[in-house]
Amino acid sequence: MSRYEALKKNRDFKEVYNKGKSYANKYLVMYILENRTDINRVGISVSKKVGNSIVRHRLTRIIRESVRLNCENIVTGYDIVIIARVNLKGKGYTEAANALIHLCKLHHILR
C-alpha cells in the first residue's frame, strides 16, 4: 500500500500551481507535478468562497478521506494539489471520491 504525505509549505503549493498540469471537473480542480520520489505529497485547498470554516473543514476532511482510501490506486512520485469548488458544498463522500477518481484518470495517474 502506497502512502502519502501532506503538502504544507506555501512555496510547495506555488511550485505545483506554476509548473504543474491541471484538470478540473464539477467538484474539484487537481494540479499535479512530478517530484522524483517514491511517495506522493498531497495538499488540499478550500477557499473562503466555498463557505464558513465549518463547511471548509468538513470538505477538507471528506477530500482527505477520499485520498486516503484511494491512495493505493494512485501512481506514486507526484505532488498533488486538490482544490475544492463551490459545487462540492453540501455533497458527500461519494461525490468527492468519484470526482477525485475522475481527475486521476484524466491525469493518467490511476493504476
C-alpha atoms as a PDB file:
ATOM      1  CA  MET A   1       0.000   0.000   0.000  1.00  0.00           C
ATOM      2  CA  SER A   2       1.452   3.323  -1.017  1.00  0.00           C
ATOM      3  CA  ARG A   3       1.384   6.185   1.447  1.00  0.00           C
ATOM      4  CA  TYR A   4       1.209   9.890   1.018  1.00  0.00           C
ATOM      5  CA  GLU A   5       2.426  12.913   2.926  1.00  0.00           C
ATOM      6  CA  ALA A   6       0.850  16.308   3.382  1.00  0.00           C
ATOM      7  CA  LEU A   7       1.956  19.221   1.231  1.00  0.00           C
ATOM      8  CA  LYS A   8       2.173  22.084   3.730  1.00  0.00           C
ATOM      9  CA  LYS A   9       4.513  24.860   2.665  1.00  0.00           C
ATOM     10  CA  ASN A  10       3.223  27.765   0.597  1.00  0.00           C
ATOM     11  CA  ARG A  11       6.230  27.602  -1.733  1.00  0.00           C
ATOM     12  CA  ASP A  12       5.446  23.941  -2.485  1.00  0.00           C
ATOM     13  CA  PHE A  13       1.855  24.852  -3.362  1.00  0.00           C
ATOM     14  CA  LYS A  14       3.071  27.709  -5.592  1.00  0.00           C
ATOM     15  CA  GLU A  15       5.543  25.447  -7.367  1.00  0.00           C
ATOM     16  CA  VAL A  16       2.802  22.938  -8.183  1.00  0.00           C
ATOM     17  CA  TYR A  17       0.497  25.750  -9.376  1.00  0.00           C
ATOM     18  CA  ASN A  18       3.161  27.315 -11.604  1.00  0.00           C
ATOM     19  CA  LYS A  19       4.887  24.241 -13.031  1.00  0.00           C
ATOM     20  CA  GLY A  20       2.188  21.594 -12.742  1.00  0.00           C
ATOM     21  CA  LYS A  21      -0.584  20.469 -15.036  1.00  0.00           C
ATOM     22  CA  SER A  22      -4.223  20.908 -14.068  1.00  0.00           C
ATOM     23  CA  TYR A  23      -7.555  19.308 -14.837  1.00  0.00           C
ATOM     24  CA  ALA A  24     -10.921  20.166 -13.359  1.00  0.00           C
ATOM     25  CA  ASN A  25     -14.412  18.791 -13.093  1.00  0.00           C
ATOM     26  CA  LYS A  26     -17.615  19.997 -11.459  1.00  0.00           C
ATOM     27  CA  TYR A  27     -16.415  19.487  -7.872  1.00  0.00           C
ATOM     28  CA  LEU A  28     -12.599  19.596  -7.823  1.00  0.00           C
ATOM     29  CA  VAL A  29      -9.524  21.047  -9.510  1.00  0.00           C
ATOM     30  CA  MET A  30      -6.351  18.960  -9.420  1.00  0.00           C
ATOM     31  CA  TYR A  31      -2.798  20.118 -10.116  1.00  0.00           C
ATOM     32  CA  ILE A  32      -0.003  17.538 -10.362  1.00  0.00           C
ATOM     33  CA  LEU A  33       3.756  17.849 -10.645  1.00  0.00           C
ATOM     34  CA  GLU A  34       6.359  15.088 -10.643  1.00  0.00           C
ATOM     35  CA  ASN A  35       8.509  15.143  -7.502  1.00  0.00           C
ATOM     36  CA  ARG A  36      11.022  12.354  -8.341  1.00  0.00           C
ATOM     37  CA  THR A  37      10.439  10.446  -5.107  1.00  0.00           C
ATOM     38  CA  ASP A  38       8.627   7.232  -4.290  1.00  0.00           C
ATOM     39  CA  ILE A  39       5.871   8.980  -2.333  1.00  0.00           C
ATOM     40  CA  ASN A  40       3.005  11.305  -3.165  1.00  0.00           C
ATOM     41  CA  ARG A  41       2.593  14.616  -1.392  1.00  0.00           C
ATOM     42  CA  VAL A  42      -0.997  15.853  -1.287  1.00  0.00           C
ATOM     43  CA  GLY A  43      -2.199  19.363  -0.478  1.00  0.00           C
ATOM     44  CA  ILE A  44      -5.859  20.323  -0.102  1.00  0.00           C
ATOM     45  CA  SER A  45      -7.151  23.853  -0.544  1.00  0.00           C
ATOM     46  CA  VAL A  46     -10.666  25.089   0.182  1.00  0.00           C
ATOM     47  CA  SER A  47     -11.281  28.794  -0.429  1.00  0.00           C
ATOM     48  CA  LYS A  48     -13.349  31.089   1.762  1.00  0.00           C
ATOM     49  CA  LYS A  49     -15.689  31.466  -1.208  1.00  0.00           C
ATOM     50  CA  VAL A  50     -16.880  27.909  -0.564  1.00  0.00           C
ATOM     51  CA  GLY A  51     -18.276  28.651   2.894  1.00  0.00           C
ATOM     52  CA  ASN A  52     -17.537  29.331   6.522  1.00  0.00           C
ATOM     53  CA  SER A  53     -14.860  27.477   8.488  1.00  0.00           C
ATOM     54  CA  ILE A  54     -17.187  24.622   9.436  1.00  0.00           C
ATOM     55  CA  VAL A  55     -18.040  23.934   5.796  1.00  0.00           C
ATOM     56  CA  ARG A  56     -14.410  24.282   4.669  1.00  0.00           C
ATOM     57  CA  HIS A  57     -13.090  21.887   7.314  1.00  0.00           C
ATOM     58  CA  ARG A  58     -15.813  19.353   6.504  1.00  0.00           C
ATOM     59  CA  LEU A  59     -14.890  19.420   2.817  1.00  0.00           C
ATOM     60  CA  THR A  60     -11.204  19.121   3.697  1.00  0.00           C
ATOM     61  CA  ARG A  61     -11.921  16.018   5.788  1.00  0.00           C
ATOM     62  CA  ILE A  62     -14.035  14.480   3.014  1.00  0.00           C
ATOM     63  CA  ILE A  63     -11.322  15.070   0.397  1.00  0.00           C
ATOM     64  CA  ARG A  64      -8.581  13.792   2.713  1.00  0.00           C
ATOM     65  CA  GLU A  65     -10.580  10.630   3.393  1.00  0.00           C
ATOM     66  CA  SER A  66     -11.171  10.006  -0.309  1.00  0.00           C
ATOM     67  CA  VAL A  67      -7.429  10.399  -0.939  1.00  0.00           C
ATOM     68  CA  ARG A  68      -6.607   8.066   1.956  1.00  0.00           C
ATOM     69  CA  LEU A  69      -8.929   5.326   0.731  1.00  0.00           C
ATOM     70  CA  ASN A  70      -7.774   5.598  -2.895  1.00  0.00           C
ATOM     71  CA  CYS A  71      -4.045   6.213  -2.346  1.00  0.00           C
ATOM     72  CA  GLU A  72      -3.099   2.615  -3.187  1.00  0.00           C
ATOM     73  CA  ASN A  73      -4.628   3.106  -6.666  1.00  0.00           C
ATOM     74  CA  ILE A  74      -2.660   6.286  -7.415  1.00  0.00           C
ATOM     75  CA  VAL A  75       0.794   6.107  -9.026  1.00  0.00           C
ATOM     76  CA  THR A  76       3.496   7.435  -6.707  1.00  0.00           C
ATOM     77  CA  GLY A  77       6.024  10.190  -7.362  1.00  0.00           C
ATOM     78  CA  TYR A  78       3.788  13.249  -7.620  1.00  0.00           C
ATOM     79  CA  ASP A  79       2.971  16.423  -5.752  1.00  0.00           C
ATOM     80  CA  ILE A  80      -0.807  16.796  -5.932  1.00  0.00           C
ATOM     81  CA  VAL A  81      -2.859  19.865  -5.015  1.00  0.00           C
ATOM     82  CA  ILE A  82      -6.618  19.391  -4.804  1.00  0.00           C
ATOM     83  CA  ILE A  83      -8.852  22.455  -4.763  1.00  0.00           C
ATOM     84  CA  ALA A  84     -12.499  22.193  -3.765  1.00  0.00           C
ATOM     85  CA  ARG A  85     -15.040  24.053  -5.858  1.00  0.00           C
ATOM     86  CA  VAL A  86     -18.233  25.673  -4.564  1.00  0.00           C
ATOM     87  CA  ASN A  87     -20.352  22.887  -6.121  1.00  0.00           C
ATOM     88  CA  LEU A  88     -18.888  20.373  -3.636  1.00  0.00           C
ATOM     89  CA  LYS A  89     -20.543  22.229  -0.767  1.00  0.00           C
ATOM     90  CA  GLY A  90     -23.348  20.100   0.633  1.00  0.00           C
ATOM     91  CA  LYS A  91     -22.195  16.963  -1.166  1.00  0.00           C
ATOM     92  CA  GLY A  92     -20.967  13.800   0.487  1.00  0.00           C
ATOM     93  CA  TYR A  93     -18.036  11.451   0.355  1.00  0.00           C
ATOM     94  CA  THR A  94     -19.163   9.532  -2.741  1.00  0.00           C
ATOM     95  CA  GLU A  95     -19.296  12.626  -4.941  1.00  0.00           C
ATOM     96  CA  ALA A  96     -15.858  13.744  -3.736  1.00  0.00           C
ATOM     97  CA  ALA A  97     -14.347  10.287  -4.225  1.00  0.00           C
ATOM     98  CA  ASN A  98     -15.841   9.928  -7.709  1.00  0.00           C
ATOM     99  CA  ALA A  99     -14.566  13.390  -8.676  1.00  0.00           C
ATOM    100  CA  LEU A 100     -11.090  12.505  -7.366  1.00  0.00           C
ATOM    101  CA  ILE A 101     -11.012   9.230  -9.318  1.00  0.00           C
ATOM    102  CA  HIS A 102     -12.204  11.029 -12.463  1.00  0.00           C
ATOM    103  CA  LEU A 103      -9.377  13.577 -12.193  1.00  0.00           C
ATOM    104  CA  CYS A 104      -6.799  10.855 -11.540  1.00  0.00           C
ATOM    105  CA  LYS A 105      -7.930   9.133 -14.740  1.00  0.00           C
ATOM    106  CA  LEU A 106      -7.590  12.401 -16.674  1.00  0.00           C
ATOM    107  CA  HIS A 107      -4.035  12.843 -15.339  1.00  0.00           C
ATOM    108  CA  HIS A 108      -3.250   9.155 -16.109  1.00  0.00           C
ATOM    109  CA  ILE A 109      -2.075   8.525 -12.538  1.00  0.00           C
ATOM    110  CA  LEU A 110      -4.657   5.859 -11.675  1.00  0.00           C
ATOM    111  CA  ARG A 111      -3.416   2.268 -11.611  1.00  0.00           C
END
